[in-house]
C-alpha atoms as a PDB file:
ATOM      1  CA  UNK A   1       0.000   0.000   0.000  1.00  0.00           C
ATOM      2  CA  UNK A   2       1.431   3.440  -0.877  1.00  0.00           C
ATOM      3  CA  UNK A   3       2.778   5.300   2.137  1.00  0.00           C
ATOM      4  CA  UNK A   4       0.484   8.242   1.381  1.00  0.00           C
ATOM      5  CA  UNK A   5      -2.480   6.017   2.237  1.00  0.00           C
ATOM      6  CA  UNK A   6      -1.243   5.365   5.758  1.00  0.00           C
ATOM      7  CA  UNK A   7      -1.765   7.655   8.720  1.00  0.00           C
ATOM      8  CA  UNK A   8       1.390   8.804  10.504  1.00  0.00           C
ATOM      9  CA  UNK A   9       1.804   8.040  14.197  1.00  0.00           C
ATOM     10  CA  UNK A  10       1.383  11.718  15.040  1.00  0.00           C
ATOM     11  CA  UNK A  11      -1.770  12.191  12.945  1.00  0.00           C
ATOM     12  CA  UNK A  12      -5.295  12.217  14.408  1.00  0.00           C
ATOM     13  CA  UNK A  13      -7.488   9.199  13.902  1.00  0.00           C
ATOM     14  CA  UNK A  14      -8.907   9.982  10.478  1.00  0.00           C
ATOM     15  CA  UNK A  15      -7.316   9.419   7.065  1.00  0.00           C
ATOM     16  CA  UNK A  16      -4.719  11.924   5.820  1.00  0.00           C
ATOM     17  CA  UNK A  17      -4.161  11.371   2.078  1.00  0.00           C
ATOM     18  CA  UNK A  18      -0.883  12.634   0.667  1.00  0.00           C
ATOM     19  CA  UNK A  19      -0.130  13.963  -2.818  1.00  0.00           C
ATOM     20  CA  UNK A  20       0.126  11.718  -5.852  1.00  0.00           C
ATOM     21  CA  UNK A  21      -2.594   9.142  -5.178  1.00  0.00           C
ATOM     22  CA  UNK A  22      -4.582   7.700  -8.078  1.00  0.00           C
ATOM     23  CA  UNK A  23      -8.355   7.982  -7.974  1.00  0.00           C
ATOM     24  CA  UNK A  24     -11.651   7.100  -9.574  1.00  0.00           C
ATOM     25  CA  UNK A  25     -14.870   9.114  -9.323  1.00  0.00           C
ATOM     26  CA  UNK A  26     -18.192   7.459 -10.173  1.00  0.00           C
ATOM     27  CA  UNK A  27     -21.451   8.951  -8.969  1.00  0.00           C
ATOM     28  CA  UNK A  28     -23.879   8.155 -11.785  1.00  0.00           C
ATOM     29  CA  UNK A  29     -25.578   5.061 -10.353  1.00  0.00           C
ATOM     30  CA  UNK A  30     -25.140   2.003  -8.139  1.00  0.00           C
ATOM     31  CA  UNK A  31     -23.323  -0.049 -10.798  1.00  0.00           C
ATOM     32  CA  UNK A  32     -19.833   0.903  -9.656  1.00  0.00           C
ATOM     33  CA  UNK A  33     -17.015  -0.593 -11.715  1.00  0.00           C
ATOM     34  CA  UNK A  34     -14.774  -1.890  -8.957  1.00  0.00           C
ATOM     35  CA  UNK A  35     -12.246  -3.346 -11.410  1.00  0.00           C
ATOM     36  CA  UNK A  36     -10.542   0.006 -12.063  1.00  0.00           C
ATOM     37  CA  UNK A  37      -7.123   0.256 -10.467  1.00  0.00           C
ATOM     38  CA  UNK A  38      -7.076   3.254  -8.131  1.00  0.00           C
ATOM     39  CA  UNK A  39      -5.834   4.073  -4.648  1.00  0.00           C
ATOM     40  CA  UNK A  40      -9.017   6.038  -3.927  1.00  0.00           C
ATOM     41  CA  UNK A  41     -12.650   5.710  -5.030  1.00  0.00           C
ATOM     42  CA  UNK A  42     -15.194   8.507  -4.651  1.00  0.00           C
ATOM     43  CA  UNK A  43     -18.747   7.110  -4.738  1.00  0.00           C
ATOM     44  CA  UNK A  44     -22.209   8.086  -3.562  1.00  0.00           C
ATOM     45  CA  UNK A  45     -23.264   7.643   0.061  1.00  0.00           C
ATOM     46  CA  UNK A  46     -26.146   5.398  -0.950  1.00  0.00           C
ATOM     47  CA  UNK A  47     -24.256   2.763  -2.951  1.00  0.00           C
ATOM     48  CA  UNK A  48     -24.683  -0.809  -1.782  1.00  0.00           C
ATOM     49  CA  UNK A  49     -22.660  -1.801   1.241  1.00  0.00           C
ATOM     50  CA  UNK A  50     -21.110  -4.645  -0.753  1.00  0.00           C
ATOM     51  CA  UNK A  51     -19.412  -2.124  -3.058  1.00  0.00           C
ATOM     52  CA  UNK A  52     -17.733  -0.331  -0.184  1.00  0.00           C
ATOM     53  CA  UNK A  53     -16.700  -3.609   1.416  1.00  0.00           C
ATOM     54  CA  UNK A  54     -15.215  -4.854  -1.851  1.00  0.00           C
ATOM     55  CA  UNK A  55     -13.219  -1.696  -2.445  1.00  0.00           C
ATOM     56  CA  UNK A  56     -11.859  -1.643   1.093  1.00  0.00           C
ATOM     57  CA  UNK A  57     -10.955  -5.333   0.856  1.00  0.00           C
ATOM     58  CA  UNK A  58      -8.854  -4.432  -2.193  1.00  0.00           C
ATOM     59  CA  UNK A  59      -6.997  -1.825  -0.142  1.00  0.00           C
ATOM     60  CA  UNK A  60      -8.679   1.252  -1.604  1.00  0.00           C
ATOM     61  CA  UNK A  61      -9.775   4.236   0.429  1.00  0.00           C
ATOM     62  CA  UNK A  62     -13.378   5.257  -0.215  1.00  0.00           C
ATOM     63  CA  UNK A  63     -14.808   8.780  -0.198  1.00  0.00           C
ATOM     64  CA  UNK A  64     -18.480   9.353   0.611  1.00  0.00           C
ATOM     65  CA  UNK A  65     -20.178  11.785  -1.800  1.00  0.00           C
ATOM     66  CA  UNK A  66     -22.986  13.913  -0.369  1.00  0.00           C
ATOM     67  CA  UNK A  67     -24.422  17.224  -1.486  1.00  0.00           C
ATOM     68  CA  UNK A  68     -24.329  19.690   1.394  1.00  0.00           C
ATOM     69  CA  UNK A  69     -25.426  22.829  -0.451  1.00  0.00           C
ATOM     70  CA  UNK A  70     -28.325  21.532  -2.518  1.00  0.00           C
ATOM     71  CA  UNK A  71     -31.542  19.597  -1.969  1.00  0.00           C
ATOM     72  CA  UNK A  72     -32.033  16.642  -4.314  1.00  0.00           C
ATOM     73  CA  UNK A  73     -35.587  15.436  -4.793  1.00  0.00           C
ATOM     74  CA  UNK A  74     -34.601  11.784  -5.345  1.00  0.00           C
ATOM     75  CA  UNK A  75     -32.796  11.289  -2.048  1.00  0.00           C
ATOM     76  CA  UNK A  76     -34.422   9.057   0.601  1.00  0.00           C
ATOM     77  CA  UNK A  77     -34.286  11.899   3.128  1.00  0.00           C
ATOM     78  CA  UNK A  78     -35.593  14.612   0.781  1.00  0.00           C
ATOM     79  CA  UNK A  79     -38.817  15.010   2.772  1.00  0.00           C
ATOM     80  CA  UNK A  80     -36.867  15.882   5.920  1.00  0.00           C
ATOM     81  CA  UNK A  81     -35.772  19.285   4.599  1.00  0.00           C
ATOM     82  CA  UNK A  82     -38.018  22.120   5.867  1.00  0.00           C
ATOM     83  CA  UNK A  83     -39.531  24.275   3.126  1.00  0.00           C
ATOM     84  CA  UNK A  84     -37.868  27.397   4.511  1.00  0.00           C
ATOM     85  CA  UNK A  85     -34.346  26.104   3.755  1.00  0.00           C
ATOM     86  CA  UNK A  86     -35.144  25.402   0.080  1.00  0.00           C
ATOM     87  CA  UNK A  87     -34.140  28.147  -2.344  1.00  0.00           C
ATOM     88  CA  UNK A  88     -34.103  28.608  -6.082  1.00  0.00           C
ATOM     89  CA  UNK A  89     -33.684  25.784  -8.567  1.00  0.00           C
ATOM     90  CA  UNK A  90     -30.088  24.781  -9.197  1.00  0.00           C
ATOM     91  CA  UNK A  91     -29.764  25.834 -12.822  1.00  0.00           C
ATOM     92  CA  UNK A  92     -28.711  22.968 -15.062  1.00  0.00           C
ATOM     93  CA  UNK A  93     -29.448  20.243 -12.522  1.00  0.00           C
ATOM     94  CA  UNK A  94     -33.143  19.279 -12.633  1.00  0.00           C
ATOM     95  CA  UNK A  95     -34.643  18.239  -9.322  1.00  0.00           C
ATOM     96  CA  UNK A  96     -32.177  20.218  -7.207  1.00  0.00           C
ATOM     97  CA  UNK A  97     -32.627  23.397  -5.194  1.00  0.00           C
ATOM     98  CA  UNK A  98     -30.106  25.493  -3.320  1.00  0.00           C
ATOM     99  CA  UNK A  99     -30.094  25.349   0.484  1.00  0.00           C
ATOM    100  CA  UNK A 100     -30.009  28.156   3.013  1.00  0.00           C
ATOM    101  CA  UNK A 101     -26.759  27.168   4.700  1.00  0.00           C
ATOM    102  CA  UNK A 102     -27.194  29.920   7.293  1.00  0.00           C
ATOM    103  CA  UNK A 103     -29.823  27.735   8.966  1.00  0.00           C
ATOM    104  CA  UNK A 104     -27.379  25.131  10.221  1.00  0.00           C
ATOM    105  CA  UNK A 105     -29.667  24.310  13.132  1.00  0.00           C
ATOM    106  CA  UNK A 106     -32.305  23.045  10.689  1.00  0.00           C
ATOM    107  CA  UNK A 107     -29.859  21.320   8.342  1.00  0.00           C
ATOM    108  CA  UNK A 108     -27.781  19.742  11.110  1.00  0.00           C
ATOM    109  CA  UNK A 109     -30.049  16.759  11.948  1.00  0.00           C
ATOM    110  CA  UNK A 110     -30.237  15.781   8.273  1.00  0.00           C
ATOM    111  CA  UNK A 111     -26.557  16.197   7.487  1.00  0.00           C
ATOM    112  CA  UNK A 112     -25.482  14.548  10.739  1.00  0.00           C
ATOM    113  CA  UNK A 113     -27.612  11.529   9.830  1.00  0.00           C
ATOM    114  CA  UNK A 114     -25.872  11.360   6.455  1.00  0.00           C
ATOM    115  CA  UNK A 115     -22.451  11.603   8.072  1.00  0.00           C
ATOM    116  CA  UNK A 116     -23.465   8.910  10.553  1.00  0.00           C
ATOM    117  CA  UNK A 117     -24.316   6.685   7.582  1.00  0.00           C
ATOM    118  CA  UNK A 118     -20.973   7.471   5.921  1.00  0.00           C
ATOM    119  CA  UNK A 119     -19.274   6.356   9.120  1.00  0.00           C
ATOM    120  CA  UNK A 120     -21.444   3.264   9.609  1.00  0.00           C
ATOM    121  CA  UNK A 121     -20.843   2.047   6.051  1.00  0.00           C
ATOM    122  CA  UNK A 122     -17.078   2.224   6.488  1.00  0.00           C
ATOM    123  CA  UNK A 123     -16.209   5.219   4.336  1.00  0.00           C
ATOM    124  CA  UNK A 124     -12.886   6.909   4.960  1.00  0.00           C
ATOM    125  CA  UNK A 125     -13.774  10.461   3.965  1.00  0.00           C
ATOM    126  CA  UNK A 126     -16.468  12.869   2.818  1.00  0.00           C
ATOM    127  CA  UNK A 127     -16.846  14.855  -0.401  1.00  0.00           C
ATOM    128  CA  UNK A 128     -19.160  17.774   0.507  1.00  0.00           C
ATOM    129  CA  UNK A 129     -20.483  18.776  -2.899  1.00  0.00           C
ATOM    130  CA  UNK A 130     -21.870  22.278  -3.501  1.00  0.00           C
ATOM    131  CA  UNK A 131     -20.080  23.756  -0.504  1.00  0.00           C
ATOM    132  CA  UNK A 132     -19.192  26.626  -2.869  1.00  0.00           C
ATOM    133  CA  UNK A 133     -22.518  28.389  -2.747  1.00  0.00           C
ATOM    134  CA  UNK A 134     -22.600  32.066  -1.785  1.00  0.00           C
ATOM    135  CA  UNK A 135     -21.709  33.326  -5.279  1.00  0.00           C
ATOM    136  CA  UNK A 136     -24.658  31.459  -6.832  1.00  0.00           C
ATOM    137  CA  UNK A 137     -28.210  32.702  -7.352  1.00  0.00           C
ATOM    138  CA  UNK A 138     -29.609  30.735  -4.438  1.00  0.00           C
ATOM    139  CA  UNK A 139     -32.511  32.965  -3.440  1.00  0.00           C
ATOM    140  CA  UNK A 140     -30.807  33.733  -0.144  1.00  0.00           C
ATOM    141  CA  UNK A 141     -28.447  36.633   0.762  1.00  0.00           C
ATOM    142  CA  UNK A 142     -25.536  34.325   1.557  1.00  0.00           C
ATOM    143  CA  UNK A 143     -22.086  35.708   2.295  1.00  0.00           C
ATOM    144  CA  UNK A 144     -18.536  34.393   2.346  1.00  0.00           C
ATOM    145  CA  UNK A 145     -18.764  34.327   6.143  1.00  0.00           C
ATOM    146  CA  UNK A 146     -21.852  32.103   5.930  1.00  0.00           C
ATOM    147  CA  UNK A 147     -20.037  29.718   3.589  1.00  0.00           C
ATOM    148  CA  UNK A 148     -16.968  29.589   5.823  1.00  0.00           C
ATOM    149  CA  UNK A 149     -19.012  28.983   8.959  1.00  0.00           C
ATOM    150  CA  UNK A 150     -20.788  26.111   7.212  1.00  0.00           C
ATOM    151  CA  UNK A 151     -17.516  24.644   5.930  1.00  0.00           C
ATOM    152  CA  UNK A 152     -15.974  24.712   9.400  1.00  0.00           C
ATOM    153  CA  UNK A 153     -19.055  23.073  10.878  1.00  0.00           C
ATOM    154  CA  UNK A 154     -18.878  20.302   8.254  1.00  0.00           C
ATOM    155  CA  UNK A 155     -15.227  19.659   9.054  1.00  0.00           C
ATOM    156  CA  UNK A 156     -15.902  19.464  12.766  1.00  0.00           C
ATOM    157  CA  UNK A 157     -18.778  17.028  12.296  1.00  0.00           C
ATOM    158  CA  UNK A 158     -16.805  14.844   9.886  1.00  0.00           C
ATOM    159  CA  UNK A 159     -13.703  14.696  12.051  1.00  0.00           C
ATOM    160  CA  UNK A 160     -15.810  13.867  15.112  1.00  0.00           C
ATOM    161  CA  UNK A 161     -16.812  10.690  13.258  1.00  0.00           C
ATOM    162  CA  UNK A 162     -13.264   9.786  12.228  1.00  0.00           C
ATOM    163  CA  UNK A 163     -13.905  10.879   8.638  1.00  0.00           C
ATOM    164  CA  UNK A 164     -11.524  12.961   6.556  1.00  0.00           C
ATOM    165  CA  UNK A 165     -13.137  15.775   4.572  1.00  0.00           C
ATOM    166  CA  UNK A 166     -12.163  17.352   1.269  1.00  0.00           C
ATOM    167  CA  UNK A 167     -12.564  20.918   0.111  1.00  0.00           C
ATOM    168  CA  UNK A 168     -14.740  20.780  -3.015  1.00  0.00           C
ATOM    169  CA  UNK A 169     -13.777  23.581  -5.404  1.00  0.00           C
ATOM    170  CA  UNK A 170     -14.253  26.939  -3.569  1.00  0.00           C
ATOM    171  CA  UNK A 171     -10.738  28.128  -4.403  1.00  0.00           C
ATOM    172  CA  UNK A 172     -11.174  31.412  -2.560  1.00  0.00           C
ATOM    173  CA  UNK A 173     -11.471  29.473   0.688  1.00  0.00           C
ATOM    174  CA  UNK A 174      -8.110  27.709   0.485  1.00  0.00           C
ATOM    175  CA  UNK A 175      -6.339  30.042   2.896  1.00  0.00           C
ATOM    176  CA  UNK A 176      -9.075  29.555   5.501  1.00  0.00           C
ATOM    177  CA  UNK A 177      -9.452  25.790   5.092  1.00  0.00           C
ATOM    178  CA  UNK A 178      -6.112  24.256   4.080  1.00  0.00           C
ATOM    179  CA  UNK A 179      -5.046  23.711   7.685  1.00  0.00           C
ATOM    180  CA  UNK A 180      -8.409  22.170   8.605  1.00  0.00           C
ATOM    181  CA  UNK A 181      -9.559  20.182   5.573  1.00  0.00           C
ATOM    182  CA  UNK A 182      -7.646  17.038   4.650  1.00  0.00           C
ATOM    183  CA  UNK A 183      -7.551  17.147   0.829  1.00  0.00           C
ATOM    184  CA  UNK A 184      -9.176  18.950  -2.096  1.00  0.00           C
ATOM    185  CA  UNK A 185     -11.312  17.949  -5.078  1.00  0.00           C
ATOM    186  CA  UNK A 186     -11.589  20.205  -8.104  1.00  0.00           C
ATOM    187  CA  UNK A 187     -13.550  20.284 -11.357  1.00  0.00           C
ATOM    188  CA  UNK A 188     -12.362  22.031 -14.533  1.00  0.00           C
ATOM    189  CA  UNK A 189      -9.700  23.965 -12.620  1.00  0.00           C
ATOM    190  CA  UNK A 190      -6.962  23.415 -15.193  1.00  0.00           C
ATOM    191  CA  UNK A 191      -9.263  24.439 -18.028  1.00  0.00           C
ATOM    192  CA  UNK A 192     -10.236  27.670 -16.275  1.00  0.00           C
ATOM    193  CA  UNK A 193      -6.696  28.465 -15.131  1.00  0.00           C
ATOM    194  CA  UNK A 194      -7.409  28.076 -11.423  1.00  0.00           C
ATOM    195  CA  UNK A 195      -5.471  24.878 -10.692  1.00  0.00           C
ATOM    196  CA  UNK A 196      -2.598  26.649  -8.945  1.00  0.00           C
ATOM    197  CA  UNK A 197      -4.998  27.950  -6.307  1.00  0.00           C
ATOM    198  CA  UNK A 198      -5.062  24.487  -4.724  1.00  0.00           C
ATOM    199  CA  UNK A 199      -1.294  24.072  -4.462  1.00  0.00           C
ATOM    200  CA  UNK A 200      -1.264  25.059  -0.760  1.00  0.00           C
ATOM    201  CA  UNK A 201      -2.800  21.631  -0.171  1.00  0.00           C
ATOM    202  CA  UNK A 202       0.153  19.989  -1.913  1.00  0.00           C
ATOM    203  CA  UNK A 203       2.570  22.158   0.079  1.00  0.00           C
ATOM    204  CA  UNK A 204       0.816  20.985   3.239  1.00  0.00           C
ATOM    205  CA  UNK A 205       1.346  17.355   2.195  1.00  0.00           C
ATOM    206  CA  UNK A 206      -2.276  16.777   1.231  1.00  0.00           C
ATOM    207  CA  UNK A 207      -3.902  15.305  -1.886  1.00  0.00           C
ATOM    208  CA  UNK A 208      -5.502  17.326  -4.648  1.00  0.00           C
ATOM    209  CA  UNK A 209      -7.851  15.147  -6.715  1.00  0.00           C
ATOM    210  CA  UNK A 210      -8.515  17.029  -9.963  1.00  0.00           C
ATOM    211  CA  UNK A 211     -11.129  16.163 -12.594  1.00  0.00           C
ATOM    212  CA  UNK A 212     -11.335  17.684 -16.060  1.00  0.00           C
ATOM    213  CA  UNK A 213     -14.340  16.979 -18.305  1.00  0.00           C
ATOM    214  CA  UNK A 214     -14.807  15.730 -21.841  1.00  0.00           C
ATOM    215  CA  UNK A 215     -17.550  18.221 -22.738  1.00  0.00           C
ATOM    216  CA  UNK A 216     -15.109  21.141 -22.900  1.00  0.00           C
ATOM    217  CA  UNK A 217     -11.939  21.475 -24.948  1.00  0.00           C
ATOM    218  CA  UNK A 218      -9.420  20.962 -22.170  1.00  0.00           C
ATOM    219  CA  UNK A 219      -5.783  20.204 -23.039  1.00  0.00           C
ATOM    220  CA  UNK A 220      -5.643  17.093 -20.898  1.00  0.00           C
ATOM    221  CA  UNK A 221      -2.034  16.149 -21.844  1.00  0.00           C
ATOM    222  CA  UNK A 222      -0.958  19.598 -20.659  1.00  0.00           C
ATOM    223  CA  UNK A 223      -2.906  19.115 -17.429  1.00  0.00           C
ATOM    224  CA  UNK A 224      -1.136  15.785 -16.924  1.00  0.00           C
ATOM    225  CA  UNK A 225       2.287  17.299 -17.576  1.00  0.00           C
ATOM    226  CA  UNK A 226       1.678  20.042 -15.049  1.00  0.00           C
ATOM    227  CA  UNK A 227       0.105  17.627 -12.597  1.00  0.00           C
ATOM    228  CA  UNK A 228       3.165  15.367 -12.669  1.00  0.00           C
ATOM    229  CA  UNK A 229       5.373  18.305 -11.744  1.00  0.00           C
ATOM    230  CA  UNK A 230       3.287  19.399  -8.778  1.00  0.00           C
ATOM    231  CA  UNK A 231       1.775  15.988  -7.787  1.00  0.00           C
ATOM    232  CA  UNK A 232      -1.842  16.903  -8.494  1.00  0.00           C
ATOM    233  CA  UNK A 233      -3.892  13.793  -9.373  1.00  0.00           C
ATOM    234  CA  UNK A 234      -5.671  14.484 -12.682  1.00  0.00           C
ATOM    235  CA  UNK A 235      -8.311  12.346 -14.358  1.00  0.00           C
ATOM    236  CA  UNK A 236     -10.544  13.019 -17.374  1.00  0.00           C
ATOM    237  CA  UNK A 237     -14.230  12.223 -16.868  1.00  0.00           C
ATOM    238  CA  UNK A 238     -17.583  12.467 -18.576  1.00  0.00           C
ATOM    239  CA  UNK A 239     -19.733  15.154 -16.966  1.00  0.00           C
ATOM    240  CA  UNK A 240     -22.269  12.592 -15.701  1.00  0.00           C
ATOM    241  CA  UNK A 241     -19.496  10.825 -13.754  1.00  0.00           C
ATOM    242  CA  UNK A 242     -20.089   7.353 -15.123  1.00  0.00           C
ATOM    243  CA  UNK A 243     -17.432   4.649 -14.890  1.00  0.00           C
ATOM    244  CA  UNK A 244     -15.373   5.895 -17.858  1.00  0.00           C
ATOM    245  CA  UNK A 245     -12.072   7.462 -16.892  1.00  0.00           C
ATOM    246  CA  UNK A 246      -8.922   8.527 -18.683  1.00  0.00           C
ATOM    247  CA  UNK A 247      -5.772   8.728 -16.602  1.00  0.00           C
ATOM    248  CA  UNK A 248      -2.505  10.482 -17.188  1.00  0.00           C
ATOM    249  CA  UNK A 249       0.204   8.401 -18.894  1.00  0.00           C
END
């Protein structure tokens, strides 16, 4: 097992992934292709327990995907969200609405239950999707301070359960979160010229898992060349995050 997958003796009890790990990201459905060689898998919270058990038996670390900033109508706990925390439709993602992350007291029971399930199913970490929210047209007057408060609360709750947590996008929060969050996950950051913003995670000895997408004209070989130099873990994915993946040579 690569040394970056192992906790150091001085580290707290949760996982601390180091730079350079390989990864796979599949969120599209429950038919996870477990045959793909990767140090780390990022899959949905609600996948079958057998998938998580199989991946862990193979020595992979497994990240638990949950959306923390949006309501999704198809989730089994969708009816637990009070109407007052539901905002505008999430443009481009049918069936989703933005959440009022200021109302942590109302979101906490739901998100804690999800984190409890991540822990119970044996996940190693959490991917908190849509934590980058205040710059979107949510229907609420959210601020950077609201987003930071929410991010810090998520980290505290995850760590209390022995779960690592990754910063999802939100590059303007790196300075505030790099010493608290355990890794980062980015989308399209090389294409949009923002990839260097996550390098403080690499400097801190933490993983940066970077996905570029096939539906835009990204120079993936160039991303790979840069990623090798700085130890950022690039993959190329379809936007719907099915099993297909292209890795760097």
